[in-house]
PDB file of N, CA and C in Angstrom:
ATOM      1  N   MET A   1      98.565 102.104  69.753  1.00  0.00           N
ATOM      2  CA  MET A   1      98.023 103.447  69.891  1.00  0.00           C
ATOM      3  C   MET A   1      99.185 104.424  70.089  1.00  0.00           C
ATOM      4  N   GLN A   2      99.187 105.466  69.312  1.00  0.00           N
ATOM      5  CA  GLN A   2     100.217 106.495  69.390  1.00  0.00           C
ATOM      6  C   GLN A   2      99.828 107.538  70.432  1.00  0.00           C
ATOM      7  N   LEU A   3     100.804 107.904  71.228  1.00  0.00           N
ATOM      8  CA  LEU A   3     100.574 108.971  72.197  1.00  0.00           C
ATOM      9  C   LEU A   3     100.873 110.316  71.543  1.00  0.00           C
ATOM     10  N   THR A   4     100.027 111.269  71.838  1.00  0.00           N
ATOM     11  CA  THR A   4     100.244 112.608  71.295  1.00  0.00           C
ATOM     12  C   THR A   4     101.301 113.325  72.120  1.00  0.00           C
ATOM     13  N   GLU A   5     101.748 114.458  71.622  1.00  0.00           N
ATOM     14  CA  GLU A   5     102.727 115.269  72.351  1.00  0.00           C
ATOM     15  C   GLU A   5     102.167 115.695  73.712  1.00  0.00           C
ATOM     16  N   ARG A   6     100.885 115.973  73.748  1.00  0.00           N
ATOM     17  CA  ARG A   6     100.252 116.388  75.009  1.00  0.00           C
ATOM     18  C   ARG A   6     100.269 115.253  76.032  1.00  0.00           C
ATOM     19  N   HIS A   7      99.984 114.019  75.570  1.00  0.00           N
ATOM     20  CA  HIS A   7     100.049 112.860  76.468  1.00  0.00           C
ATOM     21  C   HIS A   7     101.465 112.672  77.012  1.00  0.00           C
ATOM     22  N   LEU A   8     102.430 112.779  76.125  1.00  0.00           N
ATOM     23  CA  LEU A   8     103.822 112.612  76.553  1.00  0.00           C
ATOM     24  C   LEU A   8     104.241 113.696  77.543  1.00  0.00           C
ATOM     25  N   ALA A   9     103.820 114.924  77.296  1.00  0.00           N
ATOM     26  CA  ALA A   9     104.157 116.018  78.217  1.00  0.00           C
ATOM     27  C   ALA A   9     103.505 115.794  79.577  1.00  0.00           C
ATOM     28  N   TYR A  10     102.267 115.301  79.574  1.00  0.00           N
ATOM     29  CA  TYR A  10     101.560 115.001  80.820  1.00  0.00           C
ATOM     30  C   TYR A  10     102.309 113.938  81.618  1.00  0.00           C
ATOM     31  N   TRP A  11     102.665 112.840  80.966  1.00  0.00           N
ATOM     32  CA  TRP A  11     103.357 111.753  81.656  1.00  0.00           C
ATOM     33  C   TRP A  11     104.755 112.168  82.106  1.00  0.00           C
ATOM     34  N   GLN A  12     105.425 112.969  81.326  1.00  0.00           N
ATOM     35  CA  GLN A  12     106.742 113.452  81.746  1.00  0.00           C
ATOM     36  C   GLN A  12     106.638 114.329  82.984  1.00  0.00           C
ATOM     37  N   ALA A  13     105.610 115.163  83.040  1.00  0.00           N
ATOM     38  CA  ALA A  13     105.406 116.015  84.221  1.00  0.00           C
ATOM     39  C   ALA A  13     105.114 115.158  85.453  1.00  0.00           C
ATOM     40  N   LEU A  14     104.275 114.137  85.296  1.00  0.00           N
ATOM     41  CA  LEU A  14     103.953 113.252  86.412  1.00  0.00           C
ATOM     42  C   LEU A  14     105.179 112.465  86.871  1.00  0.00           C
ATOM     43  N   LEU A  15     105.918 111.925  85.937  1.00  0.00           N
ATOM     44  CA  LEU A  15     107.090 111.135  86.288  1.00  0.00           C
ATOM     45  C   LEU A  15     108.185 111.985  86.921  1.00  0.00           C
ATOM     46  N   ARG A  16     108.368 113.193  86.424  1.00  0.00           N
ATOM     47  CA  ARG A  16     109.378 114.087  86.987  1.00  0.00           C
ATOM     48  C   ARG A  16     109.021 114.436  88.431  1.00  0.00           C
ATOM     49  N   LYS A  17     107.763 114.780  88.684  1.00  0.00           N
ATOM     50  CA  LYS A  17     107.317 115.127  90.040  1.00  0.00           C
ATOM     51  C   LYS A  17     107.459 113.921  90.971  1.00  0.00           C
ATOM     52  N   THR A  18     107.069 112.751  90.504  1.00  0.00           N
ATOM     53  CA  THR A  18     107.174 111.535  91.307  1.00  0.00           C
ATOM     54  C   THR A  18     108.624 111.198  91.607  1.00  0.00           C
ATOM     55  N   ALA A  19     109.508 111.337  90.635  1.00  0.00           N
ATOM     56  CA  ALA A  19     110.928 111.029  90.836  1.00  0.00           C
ATOM     57  C   ALA A  19     111.556 111.954  91.876  1.00  0.00           C
ATOM     58  N   VAL A  20     111.218 113.236  91.824  1.00  0.00           N
ATOM     59  CA  VAL A  20     111.765 114.191  92.797  1.00  0.00           C
ATOM     60  C   VAL A  20     111.277 113.849  94.202  1.00  0.00           C
ATOM     61  N   LEU A  21     109.997 113.552  94.348  1.00  0.00           N
ATOM     62  CA  LEU A  21     109.456 113.241  95.668  1.00  0.00           C
ATOM     63  C   LEU A  21     109.996 111.910  96.197  1.00  0.00           C
ATOM     64  N   LEU A  22     110.206 110.934  95.328  1.00  0.00           N
ATOM     65  CA  LEU A  22     110.819 109.675  95.757  1.00  0.00           C
ATOM     66  C   LEU A  22     112.267 109.880  96.186  1.00  0.00           C
ATOM     67  N   ALA A  23     112.967 110.779  95.521  1.00  0.00           N
ATOM     68  CA  ALA A  23     114.338 111.081  95.921  1.00  0.00           C
ATOM     69  C   ALA A  23     114.355 111.724  97.304  1.00  0.00           C
ATOM     70  N   ILE A  24     113.417 112.631  97.566  1.00  0.00           N
ATOM     71  CA  ILE A  24     113.317 113.241  98.893  1.00  0.00           C
ATOM     72  C   ILE A  24     112.994 112.175  99.932  1.00  0.00           C
ATOM     73  N   TRP A  25     112.055 111.283  99.624  1.00  0.00           N
ATOM     74  CA  TRP A  25     111.711 110.190 100.530  1.00  0.00           C
ATOM     75  C   TRP A  25     112.935 109.337 100.843  1.00  0.00           C
ATOM     76  N   PHE A  26     113.710 109.000  99.816  1.00  0.00           N
ATOM     77  CA  PHE A  26     114.901 108.172 100.007  1.00  0.00           C
ATOM     78  C   PHE A  26     115.905 108.867 100.923  1.00  0.00           C
ATOM     79  N   VAL A  27     116.147 110.146 100.681  1.00  0.00           N
ATOM     80  CA  VAL A  27     117.112 110.890 101.493  1.00  0.00           C
ATOM     81  C   VAL A  27     116.647 110.938 102.946  1.00  0.00           C
ATOM     82  N   VAL A  28     115.378 111.227 103.176  1.00  0.00           N
ATOM     83  CA  VAL A  28     114.861 111.312 104.543  1.00  0.00           C
ATOM     84  C   VAL A  28     114.904 109.952 105.226  1.00  0.00           C
ATOM     85  N   THR A  29     114.560 108.903 104.501  1.00  0.00           N
ATOM     86  CA  THR A  29     114.481 107.578 105.109  1.00  0.00           C
ATOM     87  C   THR A  29     115.845 106.973 105.373  1.00  0.00           C
ATOM     88  N   TYR A  30     116.724 107.028 104.409  1.00  0.00           N
ATOM     89  CA  TYR A  30     117.981 106.301 104.519  1.00  0.00           C
ATOM     90  C   TYR A  30     119.189 107.194 104.826  1.00  0.00           C
ATOM     91  N   VAL A  31     119.340 108.260 104.119  1.00  0.00           N
ATOM     92  CA  VAL A  31     120.547 109.084 104.268  1.00  0.00           C
ATOM     93  C   VAL A  31     120.533 109.830 105.595  1.00  0.00           C
ATOM     94  N   VAL A  32     119.481 110.575 105.874  1.00  0.00           N
ATOM     95  CA  VAL A  32     119.422 111.330 107.120  1.00  0.00           C
ATOM     96  C   VAL A  32     119.397 110.384 108.313  1.00  0.00           C
ATOM     97  N   GLY A  33     118.620 109.321 108.217  1.00  0.00           N
ATOM     98  CA  GLY A  33     118.570 108.361 109.305  1.00  0.00           C
ATOM     99  C   GLY A  33     119.904 107.693 109.573  1.00  0.00           C
ATOM    100  N   TYR A  34     120.651 107.417 108.534  1.00  0.00           N
ATOM    101  CA  TYR A  34     121.954 106.770 108.673  1.00  0.00           C
ATOM    102  C   TYR A  34     122.967 107.697 109.349  1.00  0.00           C
ATOM    103  N   TYR A  35     122.966 108.953 108.959  1.00  0.00           N
ATOM    104  CA  TYR A  35     123.945 109.892 109.483  1.00  0.00           C
ATOM    105  C   TYR A  35     123.470 110.648 110.722  1.00  0.00           C
ATOM    106  N   ALA A  36     122.225 110.498 111.107  1.00  0.00           N
ATOM    107  CA  ALA A  36     121.689 111.268 112.230  1.00  0.00           C
ATOM    108  C   ALA A  36     122.376 110.927 113.537  1.00  0.00           C
ATOM    109  N   GLU A  37     122.761 109.680 113.724  1.00  0.00           N
ATOM    110  CA  GLU A  37     123.391 109.294 114.988  1.00  0.00           C
ATOM    111  C   GLU A  37     124.726 110.002 115.200  1.00  0.00           C
ATOM    112  N   SER A  38     125.411 110.305 114.109  1.00  0.00           N
ATOM    113  CA  SER A  38     126.691 111.002 114.243  1.00  0.00           C
ATOM    114  C   SER A  38     126.518 112.490 114.562  1.00  0.00           C
ATOM    115  N   LEU A  39     125.319 113.001 114.411  1.00  0.00           N
ATOM    116  CA  LEU A  39     125.034 114.401 114.740  1.00  0.00           C
ATOM    117  C   LEU A  39     124.602 114.471 116.198  1.00  0.00           C
ATOM    118  N   GLN A  40     125.507 114.809 117.059  1.00  0.00           N
ATOM    119  CA  GLN A  40     125.244 114.798 118.499  1.00  0.00           C
ATOM    120  C   GLN A  40     124.850 116.184 118.987  1.00  0.00           C
ATOM    121  N   PHE A  41     123.592 116.523 118.868  1.00  0.00           N
ATOM    122  CA  PHE A  41     123.079 117.754 119.461  1.00  0.00           C
ATOM    123  C   PHE A  41     121.605 117.561 119.789  1.00  0.00           C
ATOM    124  N   ASP A  42     121.101 118.381 120.699  1.00  0.00           N
ATOM    125  CA  ASP A  42     119.703 118.295 121.099  1.00  0.00           C
ATOM    126  C   ASP A  42     118.843 119.104 120.147  1.00  0.00           C
ATOM    127  N   PHE A  43     117.681 118.556 119.847  1.00  0.00           N
ATOM    128  CA  PHE A  43     116.719 119.201 118.966  1.00  0.00           C
ATOM    129  C   PHE A  43     115.382 119.172 119.683  1.00  0.00           C
ATOM    130  N   PHE A  44     114.896 120.311 120.118  1.00  0.00           N
ATOM    131  CA  PHE A  44     113.679 120.418 120.928  1.00  0.00           C
ATOM    132  C   PHE A  44     113.761 119.546 122.175  1.00  0.00           C
ATOM    133  N   GLY A  45     114.940 119.482 122.776  1.00  0.00           N
ATOM    134  CA  GLY A  45     115.121 118.761 124.018  1.00  0.00           C
ATOM    135  C   GLY A  45     115.402 117.273 123.883  1.00  0.00           C
ATOM    136  N   TRP A  46     115.460 116.756 122.679  1.00  0.00           N
ATOM    137  CA  TRP A  46     115.731 115.339 122.431  1.00  0.00           C
ATOM    138  C   TRP A  46     116.977 115.222 121.569  1.00  0.00           C
ATOM    139  N   PRO A  47     117.664 114.090 121.658  1.00  0.00           N
ATOM    140  CA  PRO A  47     118.788 113.878 120.738  1.00  0.00           C
ATOM    141  C   PRO A  47     118.290 113.891 119.291  1.00  0.00           C
ATOM    142  N   PHE A  48     119.066 114.494 118.411  1.00  0.00           N
ATOM    143  CA  PHE A  48     118.640 114.647 117.015  1.00  0.00           C
ATOM    144  C   PHE A  48     118.328 113.313 116.356  1.00  0.00           C
ATOM    145  N   ALA A  49     119.128 112.278 116.610  1.00  0.00           N
ATOM    146  CA  ALA A  49     118.891 110.965 115.993  1.00  0.00           C
ATOM    147  C   ALA A  49     117.525 110.418 116.386  1.00  0.00           C
ATOM    148  N   PHE A  50     117.152 110.568 117.648  1.00  0.00           N
ATOM    149  CA  PHE A  50     115.843 110.106 118.096  1.00  0.00           C
ATOM    150  C   PHE A  50     114.733 110.894 117.411  1.00  0.00           C
ATOM    151  N   TRP A  51     114.895 112.211 117.330  1.00  0.00           N
ATOM    152  CA  TRP A  51     113.867 113.052 116.723  1.00  0.00           C
ATOM    153  C   TRP A  51     113.657 112.690 115.257  1.00  0.00           C
ATOM    154  N   VAL A  52     114.747 112.479 114.521  1.00  0.00           N
ATOM    155  CA  VAL A  52     114.628 112.116 113.103  1.00  0.00           C
ATOM    156  C   VAL A  52     113.892 110.795 112.967  1.00  0.00           C
ATOM    157  N   GLY A  53     114.255 109.819 113.783  1.00  0.00           N
ATOM    158  CA  GLY A  53     113.629 108.504 113.683  1.00  0.00           C
ATOM    159  C   GLY A  53     112.184 108.479 114.129  1.00  0.00           C
ATOM    160  N   ALA A  54     111.861 109.231 115.181  1.00  0.00           N
ATOM    161  CA  ALA A  54     110.533 109.143 115.757  1.00  0.00           C
ATOM    162  C   ALA A  54     109.547 110.167 115.199  1.00  0.00           C
ATOM    163  N   GLN A  55     110.003 111.340 114.859  1.00  0.00           N
ATOM    164  CA  GLN A  55     109.074 112.399 114.474  1.00  0.00           C
ATOM    165  C   GLN A  55     109.381 113.039 113.124  1.00  0.00           C
ATOM    166  N   GLY A  56     110.626 113.371 112.900  1.00  0.00           N
ATOM    167  CA  GLY A  56     110.988 114.145 111.721  1.00  0.00           C
ATOM    168  C   GLY A  56     110.626 113.491 110.411  1.00  0.00           C
ATOM    169  N   SER A  57     110.919 112.212 110.289  1.00  0.00           N
ATOM    170  CA  SER A  57     110.617 111.530 109.031  1.00  0.00           C
ATOM    171  C   SER A  57     109.119 111.453 108.793  1.00  0.00           C
ATOM    172  N   LEU A  58     108.335 111.244 109.849  1.00  0.00           N
ATOM    173  CA  LEU A  58     106.879 111.175 109.685  1.00  0.00           C
ATOM    174  C   LEU A  58     106.305 112.503 109.218  1.00  0.00           C
ATOM    175  N   VAL A  59     106.838 113.590 109.740  1.00  0.00           N
ATOM    176  CA  VAL A  59     106.381 114.916 109.319  1.00  0.00           C
ATOM    177  C   VAL A  59     106.689 115.120 107.835  1.00  0.00           C
ATOM    178  N   VAL A  60     107.882 114.730 107.421  1.00  0.00           N
ATOM    179  CA  VAL A  60     108.256 114.874 106.018  1.00  0.00           C
ATOM    180  C   VAL A  60     107.373 113.998 105.132  1.00  0.00           C
ATOM    181  N   TYR A  61     107.053 112.780 105.565  1.00  0.00           N
ATOM    182  CA  TYR A  61     106.188 111.899 104.772  1.00  0.00           C
ATOM    183  C   TYR A  61     104.803 112.515 104.568  1.00  0.00           C
ATOM    184  N   VAL A  62     104.241 113.083 105.617  1.00  0.00           N
ATOM    185  CA  VAL A  62     102.927 113.726 105.498  1.00  0.00           C
ATOM    186  C   VAL A  62     103.002 114.916 104.550  1.00  0.00           C
ATOM    187  N   LEU A  63     104.066 115.701 104.639  1.00  0.00           N
ATOM    188  CA  LEU A  63     104.234 116.836 103.728  1.00  0.00           C
ATOM    189  C   LEU A  63     104.403 116.380 102.285  1.00  0.00           C
ATOM    190  N   ILE A  64     105.112 115.278 102.068  1.00  0.00           N
ATOM    191  CA  ILE A  64     105.263 114.736 100.715  1.00  0.00           C
ATOM    192  C   ILE A  64     103.908 114.322 100.159  1.00  0.00           C
ATOM    193  N   ILE A  65     103.098 113.642 100.961  1.00  0.00           N
ATOM    194  CA  ILE A  65     101.772 113.204 100.505  1.00  0.00           C
ATOM    195  C   ILE A  65     100.894 114.402 100.184  1.00  0.00           C
ATOM    196  N   TRP A  66     100.896 115.406 101.070  1.00  0.00           N
ATOM    197  CA  TRP A  66     100.093 116.610 100.823  1.00  0.00           C
ATOM    198  C   TRP A  66     100.532 117.307  99.536  1.00  0.00           C
ATOM    199  N   TYR A  67     101.835 117.483  99.369  1.00  0.00           N
ATOM    200  CA  TYR A  67     102.352 118.172  98.188  1.00  0.00           C
ATOM    201  C   TYR A  67     102.066 117.374  96.916  1.00  0.00           C
ATOM    202  N   TYR A  68     102.219 116.053  96.989  1.00  0.00           N
ATOM    203  CA  TYR A  68     101.964 115.201  95.822  1.00  0.00           C
ATOM    204  C   TYR A  68     100.508 115.340  95.370  1.00  0.00           C
ATOM    205  N   ALA A  69      99.566 115.222  96.293  1.00  0.00           N
ATOM    206  CA  ALA A  69      98.148 115.325  95.938  1.00  0.00           C
ATOM    207  C   ALA A  69      97.827 116.695  95.358  1.00  0.00           C
ATOM    208  N   ARG A  70      98.346 117.738  95.973  1.00  0.00           N
ATOM    209  CA  ARG A  70      98.085 119.108  95.504  1.00  0.00           C
ATOM    210  C   ARG A  70      98.676 119.342  94.113  1.00  0.00           C
ATOM    211  N   SER A  71      99.927 118.928  93.924  1.00  0.00           N
ATOM    212  CA  SER A  71     100.577 119.187  92.643  1.00  0.00           C
ATOM    213  C   SER A  71     100.007 118.307  91.526  1.00  0.00           C
ATOM    214  N   MET A  72      99.600 117.083  91.844  1.00  0.00           N
ATOM    215  CA  MET A  72      98.991 116.236  90.820  1.00  0.00           C
ATOM    216  C   MET A  72      97.652 116.817  90.375  1.00  0.00           C
ATOM    217  N   ASN A  73      96.884 117.357  91.299  1.00  0.00           N
ATOM    218  CA  ASN A  73      95.626 118.011  90.914  1.00  0.00           C
ATOM    219  C   ASN A  73      95.895 119.206  90.002  1.00  0.00           C
ATOM    220  N   GLN A  74      96.929 119.978  90.296  1.00  0.00           N
ATOM    221  CA  GLN A  74      97.269 121.120  89.448  1.00  0.00           C
ATOM    222  C   GLN A  74      97.701 120.668  88.058  1.00  0.00           C
ATOM    223  N   ILE A  75      98.507 119.615  87.986  1.00  0.00           N
ATOM    224  CA  ILE A  75      98.943 119.099  86.681  1.00  0.00           C
ATOM    225  C   ILE A  75      97.749 118.564  85.910  1.00  0.00           C
ATOM    226  N   ASP A  76      96.846 117.852  86.595  1.00  0.00           N
ATOM    227  CA  ASP A  76      95.642 117.344  85.924  1.00  0.00           C
ATOM    228  C   ASP A  76      94.809 118.489  85.361  1.00  0.00           C
ATOM    229  N   LYS A  77      94.643 119.568  86.130  1.00  0.00           N
ATOM    230  CA  LYS A  77      93.883 120.719  85.644  1.00  0.00           C
ATOM    231  C   LYS A  77      94.580 121.380  84.462  1.00  0.00           C
ATOM    232  N   GLU A  78      95.899 121.471  84.539  1.00  0.00           N
ATOM    233  CA  GLU A  78      96.671 122.100  83.466  1.00  0.00           C
ATOM    234  C   GLU A  78      96.515 121.348  82.150  1.00  0.00           C
ATOM    235  N   PHE A  79      96.446 120.017  82.218  1.00  0.00           N
ATOM    236  CA  PHE A  79      96.333 119.213  81.008  1.00  0.00           C
ATOM    237  C   PHE A  79      94.895 118.816  80.689  1.00  0.00           C
ATOM    238  N   GLY A  80      93.934 119.301  81.464  1.00  0.00           N
ATOM    239  CA  GLY A  80      92.522 119.068  81.168  1.00  0.00           C
ATOM    240  C   GLY A  80      92.048 117.659  81.461  1.00  0.00           C
ATOM    241  N   VAL A  81      92.648 116.978  82.421  1.00  0.00           N
ATOM    242  CA  VAL A  81      92.219 115.611  82.753  1.00  0.00           C
ATOM    243  C   VAL A  81      91.779 115.510  84.218  1.00  0.00           C
ATOM    244  N   ALA A  82      91.453 116.647  84.819  1.00  0.00           N
ATOM    245  CA  ALA A  82      91.044 116.651  86.222  1.00  0.00           C
ATOM    246  C   ALA A  82      89.670 116.008  86.376  1.00  0.00           C
ATOM    247  N   GLU A  83      89.472 115.398  87.536  1.00  0.00           N
ATOM    248  CA  GLU A  83      88.176 114.823  87.844  1.00  0.00           C
ATOM    249  C   GLU A  83      87.197 115.931  88.161  1.00  0.00           C
ATOM    250  N   ALA A  84      85.916 115.664  87.896  1.00  0.00           N
ATOM    251  CA  ALA A  84      84.897 116.656  88.211  1.00  0.00           C
ATOM    252  C   ALA A  84      84.743 116.758  89.721  1.00  0.00           C
ATOM    253  N   GLU A  85      84.662 117.978  90.213  1.00  0.00           N
ATOM    254  CA  GLU A  85      84.503 118.190  91.649  1.00  0.00           C
ATOM    255  C   GLU A  85      83.039 118.083  92.025  1.00  0.00           C
ATOM    256  N   GLU A  86      82.790 117.340  93.120  1.00  0.00           N
ATOM    257  CA  GLU A  86      81.420 117.198  93.612  1.00  0.00           C
ATOM    258  C   GLU A  86      81.167 118.223  94.700  1.00  0.00           C
ATOM    259  N   ASP A  87      79.989 118.786  94.712  1.00  0.00           N
ATOM    260  CA  ASP A  87      79.625 119.765  95.751  1.00  0.00           C
ATOM    261  C   ASP A  87      78.814 119.124  96.839  1.00  0.00           C
TER     262      ASP A  87
END
């Protein structure tokens, strides 16, 4: 089965959005966490390394999930493949 230009554009948009969000996830999980201990300052009364490990990464993960769901719905609507909304 041949994919049309519209199918390819749809998948490219999805893959591009997913790749960017996975890159953000990787940076928050590994890069910031790895270097956070060397950043010696207080953040809201706690050491920054503790805050990143205990709270900061979780906040970013929730924001990534929210943004992913919202943007995927917009892309689906743009390409006419959105699910029907139930009232």
